[in-house]
Amino acid sequence: MSGVWVFRNGVARLVSNPMAEPIDGMELTSSKRKVLVYRSTNEVMTSYAALETKLLALGWERYNNNDDPDLLQYHKSCSVHLISLPRDFNKFKSIHMYDIVVKNRSAFEVRDM
């Protein structure tokens, strides 16, 4: 069993999805929005144009992928790493942010907004 154990008035209750179920009679709060930040300037990446500028400066190149037109991909010629992003910036989620951070540890970080 996974989840969060909540103790209230001597009764224990397992909440399997604490982000979807209220805990302790409290209203649900929306989770904090994640943002990708370029560390050297503390700039929040708000568009692919801004992100691509930083990636190109770090040695990443646009990879032309004719197989999937819904993806933007970047690669480094000196490594096997590939960054795949949805072409629509509105679909850019925290999993994509963490992928960028893992492959550029000293340049980017993910923060709660």
PDB file of N, CA and C in Angstrom:
ATOM      1  N   MET A   1       0.843  -1.185   0.000  1.00  0.00           N
ATOM      2  CA  MET A   1       0.000   0.000   0.000  1.00  0.00           C
ATOM      3  C   MET A   1       0.879   1.236   0.000  1.00  0.00           C
ATOM      4  N   SER A   2       0.507   2.187  -0.834  1.00  0.00           N
ATOM      5  CA  SER A   2       1.240   3.444  -0.831  1.00  0.00           C
ATOM      6  C   SER A   2       0.265   4.576  -0.571  1.00  0.00           C
ATOM      7  N   GLY A   3       0.798   5.654  -0.063  1.00  0.00           N
ATOM      8  CA  GLY A   3      -0.021   6.810   0.235  1.00  0.00           C
ATOM      9  C   GLY A   3       0.493   7.508   1.459  1.00  0.00           C
ATOM     10  N   VAL A   4      -0.363   8.290   2.072  1.00  0.00           N
ATOM     11  CA  VAL A   4      -0.019   9.061   3.257  1.00  0.00           C
ATOM     12  C   VAL A   4      -0.970   8.664   4.380  1.00  0.00           C
ATOM     13  N   TRP A   5      -0.385   8.300   5.527  1.00  0.00           N
ATOM     14  CA  TRP A   5      -1.205   7.984   6.693  1.00  0.00           C
ATOM     15  C   TRP A   5      -1.542   9.275   7.419  1.00  0.00           C
ATOM     16  N   VAL A   6      -2.833   9.487   7.678  1.00  0.00           N
ATOM     17  CA  VAL A   6      -3.305  10.679   8.376  1.00  0.00           C
ATOM     18  C   VAL A   6      -3.906  10.226   9.695  1.00  0.00           C
ATOM     19  N   PHE A   7      -3.441  10.837  10.795  1.00  0.00           N
ATOM     20  CA  PHE A   7      -3.952  10.526  12.129  1.00  0.00           C
ATOM     21  C   PHE A   7      -4.760  11.718  12.610  1.00  0.00           C
ATOM     22  N   ARG A   8      -6.029  11.442  12.972  1.00  0.00           N
ATOM     23  CA  ARG A   8      -6.884  12.506  13.476  1.00  0.00           C
ATOM     24  C   ARG A   8      -7.831  11.918  14.513  1.00  0.00           C
ATOM     25  N   ASN A   9      -7.872  12.524  15.679  1.00  0.00           N
ATOM     26  CA  ASN A   9      -8.731  12.090  16.775  1.00  0.00           C
ATOM     27  C   ASN A   9      -8.524  10.614  17.100  1.00  0.00           C
ATOM     28  N   GLY A  10      -7.281  10.173  17.056  1.00  0.00           N
ATOM     29  CA  GLY A  10      -6.966   8.798  17.406  1.00  0.00           C
ATOM     30  C   GLY A  10      -7.280   7.779  16.335  1.00  0.00           C
ATOM     31  N   VAL A  11      -7.662   8.229  15.169  1.00  0.00           N
ATOM     32  CA  VAL A  11      -8.004   7.323  14.075  1.00  0.00           C
ATOM     33  C   VAL A  11      -6.999   7.523  12.939  1.00  0.00           C
ATOM     34  N   ALA A  12      -6.472   6.401  12.448  1.00  0.00           N
ATOM     35  CA  ALA A  12      -5.537   6.460  11.321  1.00  0.00           C
ATOM     36  C   ALA A  12      -6.295   6.154  10.034  1.00  0.00           C
ATOM     37  N   ARG A  13      -5.949   6.898   9.010  1.00  0.00           N
ATOM     38  CA  ARG A  13      -6.595   6.701   7.717  1.00  0.00           C
ATOM     39  C   ARG A  13      -5.536   6.828   6.632  1.00  0.00           C
ATOM     40  N   LEU A  14      -5.567   5.909   5.656  1.00  0.00           N
ATOM     41  CA  LEU A  14      -4.634   5.946   4.547  1.00  0.00           C
ATOM     42  C   LEU A  14      -5.240   6.735   3.392  1.00  0.00           C
ATOM     43  N   VAL A  15      -4.549   7.792   2.980  1.00  0.00           N
ATOM     44  CA  VAL A  15      -4.967   8.580   1.831  1.00  0.00           C
ATOM     45  C   VAL A  15      -4.057   8.165   0.689  1.00  0.00           C
ATOM     46  N   SER A  16      -4.616   7.476  -0.286  1.00  0.00           N
ATOM     47  CA  SER A  16      -3.783   6.911  -1.352  1.00  0.00           C
ATOM     48  C   SER A  16      -3.284   7.958  -2.332  1.00  0.00           C
ATOM     49  N   ASN A  17      -4.016   9.024  -2.545  1.00  0.00           N
ATOM     50  CA  ASN A  17      -3.585  10.079  -3.450  1.00  0.00           C
ATOM     51  C   ASN A  17      -3.812  11.424  -2.763  1.00  0.00           C
ATOM     52  N   PRO A  18      -2.842  11.897  -1.984  1.00  0.00           N
ATOM     53  CA  PRO A  18      -3.046  13.115  -1.208  1.00  0.00           C
ATOM     54  C   PRO A  18      -3.271  14.366  -2.051  1.00  0.00           C
ATOM     55  N   MET A  19      -2.893  14.336  -3.337  1.00  0.00           N
ATOM     56  CA  MET A  19      -3.124  15.499  -4.187  1.00  0.00           C
ATOM     57  C   MET A  19      -4.565  15.523  -4.711  1.00  0.00           C
ATOM     58  N   ALA A  20      -5.260  14.390  -4.648  1.00  0.00           N
ATOM     59  CA  ALA A  20      -6.620  14.325  -5.188  1.00  0.00           C
ATOM     60  C   ALA A  20      -7.676  14.208  -4.099  1.00  0.00           C
ATOM     61  N   GLU A  21      -7.261  13.808  -2.890  1.00  0.00           N
ATOM     62  CA  GLU A  21      -8.209  13.658  -1.795  1.00  0.00           C
ATOM     63  C   GLU A  21      -7.892  14.667  -0.702  1.00  0.00           C
ATOM     64  N   PRO A  22      -8.907  15.234  -0.064  1.00  0.00           N
ATOM     65  CA  PRO A  22      -8.635  16.154   1.040  1.00  0.00           C
ATOM     66  C   PRO A  22      -8.043  15.408   2.228  1.00  0.00           C
ATOM     67  N   ILE A  23      -7.116  16.040   2.902  1.00  0.00           N
ATOM     68  CA  ILE A  23      -6.486  15.469   4.096  1.00  0.00           C
ATOM     69  C   ILE A  23      -6.926  16.289   5.292  1.00  0.00           C
ATOM     70  N   ASP A  24      -7.342  15.612   6.337  1.00  0.00           N
ATOM     71  CA  ASP A  24      -7.702  16.272   7.593  1.00  0.00           C
ATOM     72  C   ASP A  24      -8.835  17.283   7.434  1.00  0.00           C
ATOM     73  N   GLY A  25      -9.759  17.002   6.525  1.00  0.00           N
ATOM     74  CA  GLY A  25     -10.883  17.894   6.345  1.00  0.00           C
ATOM     75  C   GLY A  25     -10.529  19.191   5.655  1.00  0.00           C
ATOM     76  N   MET A  26      -9.291  19.322   5.219  1.00  0.00           N
ATOM     77  CA  MET A  26      -8.857  20.544   4.551  1.00  0.00           C
ATOM     78  C   MET A  26      -9.266  20.487   3.085  1.00  0.00           C
ATOM     79  N   GLU A  27      -9.469  21.641   2.522  1.00  0.00           N
ATOM     80  CA  GLU A  27      -9.765  21.718   1.099  1.00  0.00           C
ATOM     81  C   GLU A  27      -8.513  21.354   0.321  1.00  0.00           C
ATOM     82  N   LEU A  28      -8.735  20.882  -0.881  1.00  0.00           N
ATOM     83  CA  LEU A  28      -7.602  20.575  -1.747  1.00  0.00           C
ATOM     84  C   LEU A  28      -6.919  21.866  -2.159  1.00  0.00           C
ATOM     85  N   THR A  29      -5.606  21.842  -2.161  1.00  0.00           N
ATOM     86  CA  THR A  29      -4.854  22.978  -2.670  1.00  0.00           C
ATOM     87  C   THR A  29      -4.164  22.521  -3.936  1.00  0.00           C
ATOM     88  N   SER A  30      -4.108  23.373  -4.892  1.00  0.00           N
ATOM     89  CA  SER A  30      -3.443  22.982  -6.131  1.00  0.00           C
ATOM     90  C   SER A  30      -1.948  22.906  -5.879  1.00  0.00           C
ATOM     91  N   SER A  31      -1.327  21.978  -6.543  1.00  0.00           N
ATOM     92  CA  SER A  31       0.109  21.836  -6.381  1.00  0.00           C
ATOM     93  C   SER A  31       0.797  23.035  -7.004  1.00  0.00           C
ATOM     94  N   LYS A  32       1.968  23.322  -6.503  1.00  0.00           N
ATOM     95  CA  LYS A  32       2.707  24.462  -7.013  1.00  0.00           C
ATOM     96  C   LYS A  32       3.169  24.179  -8.426  1.00  0.00           C
ATOM     97  N   ARG A  33       3.128  25.191  -9.227  1.00  0.00           N
ATOM     98  CA  ARG A  33       3.559  25.073 -10.618  1.00  0.00           C
ATOM     99  C   ARG A  33       5.076  25.053 -10.652  1.00  0.00           C
ATOM    100  N   LYS A  34       5.628  24.205 -11.497  1.00  0.00           N
ATOM    101  CA  LYS A  34       7.071  24.095 -11.646  1.00  0.00           C
ATOM    102  C   LYS A  34       7.532  24.993 -12.787  1.00  0.00           C
ATOM    103  N   VAL A  35       8.714  25.571 -12.635  1.00  0.00           N
ATOM    104  CA  VAL A  35       9.305  26.373 -13.699  1.00  0.00           C
ATOM    105  C   VAL A  35      10.763  25.950 -13.865  1.00  0.00           C
ATOM    106  N   LEU A  36      11.251  26.058 -15.091  1.00  0.00           N
ATOM    107  CA  LEU A  36      12.638  25.771 -15.401  1.00  0.00           C
ATOM    108  C   LEU A  36      13.406  27.083 -15.362  1.00  0.00           C
ATOM    109  N   VAL A  37      14.495  27.100 -14.582  1.00  0.00           N
ATOM    110  CA  VAL A  37      15.258  28.326 -14.382  1.00  0.00           C
ATOM    111  C   VAL A  37      16.691  28.126 -14.868  1.00  0.00           C
ATOM    112  N   TYR A  38      17.170  29.081 -15.654  1.00  0.00           N
ATOM    113  CA  TYR A  38      18.569  29.112 -16.073  1.00  0.00           C
ATOM    114  C   TYR A  38      19.345  29.725 -14.910  1.00  0.00           C
ATOM    115  N   ARG A  39      20.218  28.946 -14.307  1.00  0.00           N
ATOM    116  CA  ARG A  39      20.814  29.303 -13.031  1.00  0.00           C
ATOM    117  C   ARG A  39      21.698  30.541 -13.062  1.00  0.00           C
ATOM    118  N   SER A  40      22.491  30.715 -14.099  1.00  0.00           N
ATOM    119  CA  SER A  40      23.452  31.828 -14.073  1.00  0.00           C
ATOM    120  C   SER A  40      22.782  33.200 -14.106  1.00  0.00           C
ATOM    121  N   THR A  41      21.561  33.283 -14.666  1.00  0.00           N
ATOM    122  CA  THR A  41      20.863  34.570 -14.724  1.00  0.00           C
ATOM    123  C   THR A  41      19.549  34.570 -13.943  1.00  0.00           C
ATOM    124  N   ASN A  42      19.196  33.432 -13.347  1.00  0.00           N
ATOM    125  CA  ASN A  42      17.913  33.273 -12.664  1.00  0.00           C
ATOM    126  C   ASN A  42      16.731  33.570 -13.580  1.00  0.00           C
ATOM    127  N   GLU A  43      16.898  33.291 -14.858  1.00  0.00           N
ATOM    128  CA  GLU A  43      15.854  33.545 -15.851  1.00  0.00           C
ATOM    129  C   GLU A  43      14.930  32.334 -15.961  1.00  0.00           C
ATOM    130  N   VAL A  44      13.624  32.588 -15.838  1.00  0.00           N
ATOM    131  CA  VAL A  44      12.629  31.539 -16.009  1.00  0.00           C
ATOM    132  C   VAL A  44      12.412  31.337 -17.500  1.00  0.00           C
ATOM    133  N   MET A  45      12.454  30.087 -17.925  1.00  0.00           N
ATOM    134  CA  MET A  45      12.251  29.770 -19.338  1.00  0.00           C
ATOM    135  C   MET A  45      10.749  29.801 -19.621  1.00  0.00           C
ATOM    136  N   THR A  46      10.317  30.845 -20.315  1.00  0.00           N
ATOM    137  CA  THR A  46       8.893  31.046 -20.583  1.00  0.00           C
ATOM    138  C   THR A  46       8.521  30.732 -22.024  1.00  0.00           C
ATOM    139  N   SER A  47       9.508  30.376 -22.838  1.00  0.00           N
ATOM    140  CA  SER A  47       9.228  30.032 -24.233  1.00  0.00           C
ATOM    141  C   SER A  47      10.344  29.133 -24.746  1.00  0.00           C
ATOM    142  N   TYR A  48      10.056  28.463 -25.850  1.00  0.00           N
ATOM    143  CA  TYR A  48      11.086  27.642 -26.469  1.00  0.00           C
ATOM    144  C   TYR A  48      12.190  28.499 -27.077  1.00  0.00           C
ATOM    145  N   ALA A  49      11.872  29.706 -27.494  1.00  0.00           N
ATOM    146  CA  ALA A  49      12.899  30.589 -28.049  1.00  0.00           C
ATOM    147  C   ALA A  49      13.959  30.896 -26.986  1.00  0.00           C
ATOM    148  N   ALA A  50      13.523  31.213 -25.776  1.00  0.00           N
ATOM    149  CA  ALA A  50      14.458  31.489 -24.690  1.00  0.00           C
ATOM    150  C   ALA A  50      15.251  30.237 -24.315  1.00  0.00           C
ATOM    151  N   LEU A  51      14.557  29.104 -24.243  1.00  0.00           N
ATOM    152  CA  LEU A  51      15.219  27.848 -23.887  1.00  0.00           C
ATOM    153  C   LEU A  51      16.224  27.439 -24.953  1.00  0.00           C
ATOM    154  N   GLU A  52      15.851  27.555 -26.222  1.00  0.00           N
ATOM    155  CA  GLU A  52      16.750  27.148 -27.299  1.00  0.00           C
ATOM    156  C   GLU A  52      18.027  27.989 -27.306  1.00  0.00           C
ATOM    157  N   THR A  53      17.907  29.274 -27.007  1.00  0.00           N
ATOM    158  CA  THR A  53      19.084  30.131 -26.931  1.00  0.00           C
ATOM    159  C   THR A  53      20.074  29.607 -25.895  1.00  0.00           C
ATOM    160  N   LYS A  54      19.562  29.214 -24.742  1.00  0.00           N
ATOM    161  CA  LYS A  54      20.428  28.688 -23.669  1.00  0.00           C
ATOM    162  C   LYS A  54      21.012  27.335 -24.053  1.00  0.00           C
ATOM    163  N   LEU A  55      20.186  26.462 -24.633  1.00  0.00           N
ATOM    164  CA  LEU A  55      20.674  25.135 -25.023  1.00  0.00           C
ATOM    165  C   LEU A  55      21.748  25.230 -26.099  1.00  0.00           C
ATOM    166  N   LEU A  56      21.553  26.099 -27.089  1.00  0.00           N
ATOM    167  CA  LEU A  56      22.555  26.267 -28.145  1.00  0.00           C
ATOM    168  C   LEU A  56      23.875  26.775 -27.566  1.00  0.00           C
ATOM    169  N   ALA A  57      23.796  27.681 -26.594  1.00  0.00           N
ATOM    170  CA  ALA A  57      25.012  28.195 -25.947  1.00  0.00           C
ATOM    171  C   ALA A  57      25.743  27.100 -25.164  1.00  0.00           C
ATOM    172  N   LEU A  58      25.000  26.086 -24.718  1.00  0.00           N
ATOM    173  CA  LEU A  58      25.606  24.980 -23.966  1.00  0.00           C
ATOM    174  C   LEU A  58      26.088  23.850 -24.878  1.00  0.00           C
ATOM    175  N   GLY A  59      25.992  24.029 -26.181  1.00  0.00           N
ATOM    176  CA  GLY A  59      26.499  23.036 -27.110  1.00  0.00           C
ATOM    177  C   GLY A  59      25.465  22.074 -27.665  1.00  0.00           C
ATOM    178  N   TRP A  60      24.196  22.285 -27.352  1.00  0.00           N
ATOM    179  CA  TRP A  60      23.130  21.442 -27.893  1.00  0.00           C
ATOM    180  C   TRP A  60      22.798  21.918 -29.297  1.00  0.00           C
ATOM    181  N   GLU A  61      22.398  20.999 -30.145  1.00  0.00           N
ATOM    182  CA  GLU A  61      22.003  21.315 -31.512  1.00  0.00           C
ATOM    183  C   GLU A  61      20.602  20.783 -31.757  1.00  0.00           C
ATOM    184  N   ARG A  62      19.858  21.496 -32.608  1.00  0.00           N
ATOM    185  CA  ARG A  62      18.521  21.033 -32.972  1.00  0.00           C
ATOM    186  C   ARG A  62      18.682  19.771 -33.805  1.00  0.00           C
ATOM    187  N   TYR A  63      17.934  18.751 -33.451  1.00  0.00           N
ATOM    188  CA  TYR A  63      17.956  17.478 -34.167  1.00  0.00           C
ATOM    189  C   TYR A  63      16.704  17.416 -35.013  1.00  0.00           C
ATOM    190  N   ASN A  64      16.876  17.309 -36.303  1.00  0.00           N
ATOM    191  CA  ASN A  64      15.721  17.261 -37.209  1.00  0.00           C
ATOM    192  C   ASN A  64      15.118  15.873 -37.196  1.00  0.00           C
ATOM    193  N   ASN A  65      13.916  15.799 -36.663  1.00  0.00           N
ATOM    194  CA  ASN A  65      13.211  14.533 -36.555  1.00  0.00           C
ATOM    195  C   ASN A  65      12.002  14.579 -37.483  1.00  0.00           C
ATOM    196  N   ASN A  66      12.108  13.921 -38.592  1.00  0.00           N
ATOM    197  CA  ASN A  66      10.993  13.895 -39.539  1.00  0.00           C
ATOM    198  C   ASN A  66       9.956  12.834 -39.185  1.00  0.00           C
ATOM    199  N   ASP A  67      10.293  11.951 -38.233  1.00  0.00           N
ATOM    200  CA  ASP A  67       9.372  10.881 -37.857  1.00  0.00           C
ATOM    201  C   ASP A  67       8.207  11.384 -37.012  1.00  0.00           C
ATOM    202  N   ASP A  68       8.460  12.380 -36.166  1.00  0.00           N
ATOM    203  CA  ASP A  68       7.409  12.869 -35.275  1.00  0.00           C
ATOM    204  C   ASP A  68       7.393  14.393 -35.298  1.00  0.00           C
ATOM    205  N   PRO A  69       6.488  14.992 -36.056  1.00  0.00           N
ATOM    206  CA  PRO A  69       6.449  16.448 -36.167  1.00  0.00           C
ATOM    207  C   PRO A  69       5.987  17.155 -34.891  1.00  0.00           C
ATOM    208  N   ASP A  70       5.501  16.411 -33.912  1.00  0.00           N
ATOM    209  CA  ASP A  70       5.045  17.013 -32.662  1.00  0.00           C
ATOM    210  C   ASP A  70       6.166  17.177 -31.642  1.00  0.00           C
ATOM    211  N   LEU A  71       7.386  16.765 -32.001  1.00  0.00           N
ATOM    212  CA  LEU A  71       8.513  16.832 -31.084  1.00  0.00           C
ATOM    213  C   LEU A  71       9.576  17.808 -31.544  1.00  0.00           C
ATOM    214  N   LEU A  72      10.168  18.505 -30.565  1.00  0.00           N
ATOM    215  CA  LEU A  72      11.408  19.235 -30.766  1.00  0.00           C
ATOM    216  C   LEU A  72      12.486  18.400 -30.095  1.00  0.00           C
ATOM    217  N   GLN A  73      13.605  18.188 -30.779  1.00  0.00           N
ATOM    218  CA  GLN A  73      14.661  17.385 -30.186  1.00  0.00           C
ATOM    219  C   GLN A  73      15.996  18.098 -30.319  1.00  0.00           C
ATOM    220  N   TYR A  74      16.824  17.913 -29.289  1.00  0.00           N
ATOM    221  CA  TYR A  74      18.164  18.494 -29.249  1.00  0.00           C
ATOM    222  C   TYR A  74      19.144  17.394 -28.879  1.00  0.00           C
ATOM    223  N   HIS A  75      20.339  17.471 -29.458  1.00  0.00           N
ATOM    224  CA  HIS A  75      21.378  16.501 -29.128  1.00  0.00           C
ATOM    225  C   HIS A  75      22.721  17.216 -29.044  1.00  0.00           C
ATOM    226  N   LYS A  76      23.666  16.557 -28.392  1.00  0.00           N
ATOM    227  CA  LYS A  76      25.048  17.023 -28.338  1.00  0.00           C
ATOM    228  C   LYS A  76      25.880  16.042 -29.135  1.00  0.00           C
ATOM    229  N   SER A  77      26.735  16.565 -29.970  1.00  0.00           N
ATOM    230  CA  SER A  77      27.536  15.672 -30.806  1.00  0.00           C
ATOM    231  C   SER A  77      28.550  14.875 -29.991  1.00  0.00           C
ATOM    232  N   CYS A  78      28.882  15.356 -28.792  1.00  0.00           N
ATOM    233  CA  CYS A  78      29.880  14.673 -27.962  1.00  0.00           C
ATOM    234  C   CYS A  78      29.260  13.688 -26.969  1.00  0.00           C
ATOM    235  N   SER A  79      27.958  13.473 -27.045  1.00  0.00           N
ATOM    236  CA  SER A  79      27.313  12.545 -26.102  1.00  0.00           C
ATOM    237  C   SER A  79      26.178  11.794 -26.789  1.00  0.00           C
ATOM    238  N   VAL A  80      25.614  10.855 -26.069  1.00  0.00           N
ATOM    239  CA  VAL A  80      24.481  10.086 -26.585  1.00  0.00           C
ATOM    240  C   VAL A  80      23.149  10.663 -26.113  1.00  0.00           C
ATOM    241  N   HIS A  81      23.188  11.760 -25.373  1.00  0.00           N
ATOM    242  CA  HIS A  81      21.969  12.339 -24.819  1.00  0.00           C
ATOM    243  C   HIS A  81      21.104  12.986 -25.891  1.00  0.00           C
ATOM    244  N   LEU A  82      19.808  12.875 -25.694  1.00  0.00           N
ATOM    245  CA  LEU A  82      18.824  13.479 -26.572  1.00  0.00           C
ATOM    246  C   LEU A  82      17.731  14.073 -25.698  1.00  0.00           C
ATOM    247  N   ILE A  83      17.408  15.321 -25.934  1.00  0.00           N
ATOM    248  CA  ILE A  83      16.307  15.979 -25.220  1.00  0.00           C
ATOM    249  C   ILE A  83      15.123  16.036 -26.166  1.00  0.00           C
ATOM    250  N   SER A  84      14.006  15.476 -25.751  1.00  0.00           N
ATOM    251  CA  SER A  84      12.776  15.486 -26.561  1.00  0.00           C
ATOM    252  C   SER A  84      11.719  16.303 -25.843  1.00  0.00           C
ATOM    253  N   LEU A  85      11.163  17.271 -26.537  1.00  0.00           N
ATOM    254  CA  LEU A  85      10.174  18.181 -25.962  1.00  0.00           C
ATOM    255  C   LEU A  85       8.950  18.245 -26.873  1.00  0.00           C
ATOM    256  N   PRO A  86       7.767  18.436 -26.279  1.00  0.00           N
ATOM    257  CA  PRO A  86       6.589  18.623 -27.129  1.00  0.00           C
ATOM    258  C   PRO A  86       6.706  19.952 -27.878  1.00  0.00           C
ATOM    259  N   ARG A  87       6.302  19.981 -29.124  1.00  0.00           N
ATOM    260  CA  ARG A  87       6.431  21.202 -29.930  1.00  0.00           C
ATOM    261  C   ARG A  87       5.606  22.355 -29.339  1.00  0.00           C
ATOM    262  N   ASP A  88       4.490  22.037 -28.716  1.00  0.00           N
ATOM    263  CA  ASP A  88       3.618  23.033 -28.091  1.00  0.00           C
ATOM    264  C   ASP A  88       4.139  23.323 -26.682  1.00  0.00           C
ATOM    265  N   PHE A  89       4.558  24.576 -26.426  1.00  0.00           N
ATOM    266  CA  PHE A  89       5.119  24.929 -25.122  1.00  0.00           C
ATOM    267  C   PHE A  89       4.111  24.742 -23.989  1.00  0.00           C
ATOM    268  N   ASN A  90       2.823  24.815 -24.281  1.00  0.00           N
ATOM    269  CA  ASN A  90       1.801  24.603 -23.249  1.00  0.00           C
ATOM    270  C   ASN A  90       1.806  23.163 -22.735  1.00  0.00           C
ATOM    271  N   LYS A  91       2.393  22.242 -23.486  1.00  0.00           N
ATOM    272  CA  LYS A  91       2.503  20.843 -23.064  1.00  0.00           C
ATOM    273  C   LYS A  91       3.848  20.542 -22.409  1.00  0.00           C
ATOM    274  N   PHE A  92       4.665  21.557 -22.201  1.00  0.00           N
ATOM    275  CA  PHE A  92       5.972  21.433 -21.559  1.00  0.00           C
ATOM    276  C   PHE A  92       5.748  21.240 -20.060  1.00  0.00           C
ATOM    277  N   LYS A  93       5.999  20.029 -19.563  1.00  0.00           N
ATOM    278  CA  LYS A  93       5.693  19.648 -18.182  1.00  0.00           C
ATOM    279  C   LYS A  93       6.966  19.441 -17.374  1.00  0.00           C
ATOM    280  N   SER A  94       6.794  19.190 -16.088  1.00  0.00           N
ATOM    281  CA  SER A  94       7.946  19.042 -15.202  1.00  0.00           C
ATOM    282  C   SER A  94       8.846  17.876 -15.605  1.00  0.00           C
ATOM    283  N   ILE A  95       8.292  16.826 -16.183  1.00  0.00           N
ATOM    284  CA  ILE A  95       9.137  15.703 -16.602  1.00  0.00           C
ATOM    285  C   ILE A  95      10.136  16.156 -17.673  1.00  0.00           C
ATOM    286  N   HIS A  96       9.727  17.060 -18.555  1.00  0.00           N
ATOM    287  CA  HIS A  96      10.626  17.600 -19.570  1.00  0.00           C
ATOM    288  C   HIS A  96      11.681  18.499 -18.911  1.00  0.00           C
ATOM    289  N   MET A  97      11.247  19.267 -17.915  1.00  0.00           N
ATOM    290  CA  MET A  97      12.179  20.146 -17.198  1.00  0.00           C
ATOM    291  C   MET A  97      13.263  19.330 -16.514  1.00  0.00           C
ATOM    292  N   TYR A  98      12.855  18.262 -15.824  1.00  0.00           N
ATOM    293  CA  TYR A  98      13.842  17.442 -15.123  1.00  0.00           C
ATOM    294  C   TYR A  98      14.773  16.727 -16.103  1.00  0.00           C
ATOM    295  N   ASP A  99      14.287  16.389 -17.273  1.00  0.00           N
ATOM    296  CA  ASP A  99      15.146  15.789 -18.292  1.00  0.00           C
ATOM    297  C   ASP A  99      16.253  16.773 -18.685  1.00  0.00           C
ATOM    298  N   ILE A 100      15.893  18.037 -18.848  1.00  0.00           N
ATOM    299  CA  ILE A 100      16.880  19.067 -19.182  1.00  0.00           C
ATOM    300  C   ILE A 100      17.863  19.257 -18.035  1.00  0.00           C
ATOM    301  N   VAL A 101      17.359  19.271 -16.804  1.00  0.00           N
ATOM    302  CA  VAL A 101      18.223  19.464 -15.638  1.00  0.00           C
ATOM    303  C   VAL A 101      19.219  18.325 -15.498  1.00  0.00           C
ATOM    304  N   VAL A 102      18.765  17.091 -15.665  1.00  0.00           N
ATOM    305  CA  VAL A 102      19.659  15.941 -15.522  1.00  0.00           C
ATOM    306  C   VAL A 102      20.795  16.009 -16.545  1.00  0.00           C
ATOM    307  N   LYS A 103      20.498  16.495 -17.721  1.00  0.00           N
ATOM    308  CA  LYS A 103      21.507  16.541 -18.782  1.00  0.00           C
ATOM    309  C   LYS A 103      22.322  17.831 -18.788  1.00  0.00           C
ATOM    310  N   ASN A 104      21.946  18.780 -17.926  1.00  0.00           N
ATOM    311  CA  ASN A 104      22.655  20.066 -17.804  1.00  0.00           C
ATOM    312  C   ASN A 104      22.646  20.505 -16.341  1.00  0.00           C
ATOM    313  N   ARG A 105      23.219  19.692 -15.485  1.00  0.00           N
ATOM    314  CA  ARG A 105      23.104  19.900 -14.046  1.00  0.00           C
ATOM    315  C   ARG A 105      23.531  21.282 -13.559  1.00  0.00           C
ATOM    316  N   SER A 106      24.578  21.816 -14.113  1.00  0.00           N
ATOM    317  CA  SER A 106      25.080  23.093 -13.599  1.00  0.00           C
ATOM    318  C   SER A 106      24.382  24.302 -14.221  1.00  0.00           C
ATOM    319  N   ALA A 107      23.586  24.095 -15.245  1.00  0.00           N
ATOM    320  CA  ALA A 107      22.996  25.228 -15.959  1.00  0.00           C
ATOM    321  C   ALA A 107      21.538  25.510 -15.612  1.00  0.00           C
ATOM    322  N   PHE A 108      20.770  24.463 -15.296  1.00  0.00           N
ATOM    323  CA  PHE A 108      19.332  24.644 -15.068  1.00  0.00           C
ATOM    324  C   PHE A 108      18.914  24.034 -13.738  1.00  0.00           C
ATOM    325  N   GLU A 109      17.788  24.508 -13.235  1.00  0.00           N
ATOM    326  CA  GLU A 109      17.141  23.859 -12.085  1.00  0.00           C
ATOM    327  C   GLU A 109      15.641  24.072 -12.201  1.00  0.00           C
ATOM    328  N   VAL A 110      14.897  23.198 -11.526  1.00  0.00           N
ATOM    329  CA  VAL A 110      13.443  23.291 -11.487  1.00  0.00           C
ATOM    330  C   VAL A 110      13.054  23.856 -10.136  1.00  0.00           C
ATOM    331  N   ARG A 111      12.183  24.855 -10.159  1.00  0.00           N
ATOM    332  CA  ARG A 111      11.719  25.494  -8.916  1.00  0.00           C
ATOM    333  C   ARG A 111      10.209  25.486  -8.879  1.00  0.00           C
ATOM    334  N   ASP A 112       9.675  25.558  -7.648  1.00  0.00           N
ATOM    335  CA  ASP A 112       8.243  25.753  -7.454  1.00  0.00           C
ATOM    336  C   ASP A 112       7.942  27.217  -7.609  1.00  0.00           C
ATOM    337  N   MET A 113       6.862  27.506  -8.289  1.00  0.00           N
ATOM    338  CA  MET A 113       6.468  28.901  -8.495  1.00  0.00           C
ATOM    339  C   MET A 113       5.376  29.245  -7.524  1.00  0.00           C
TER     340      MET A 113
END
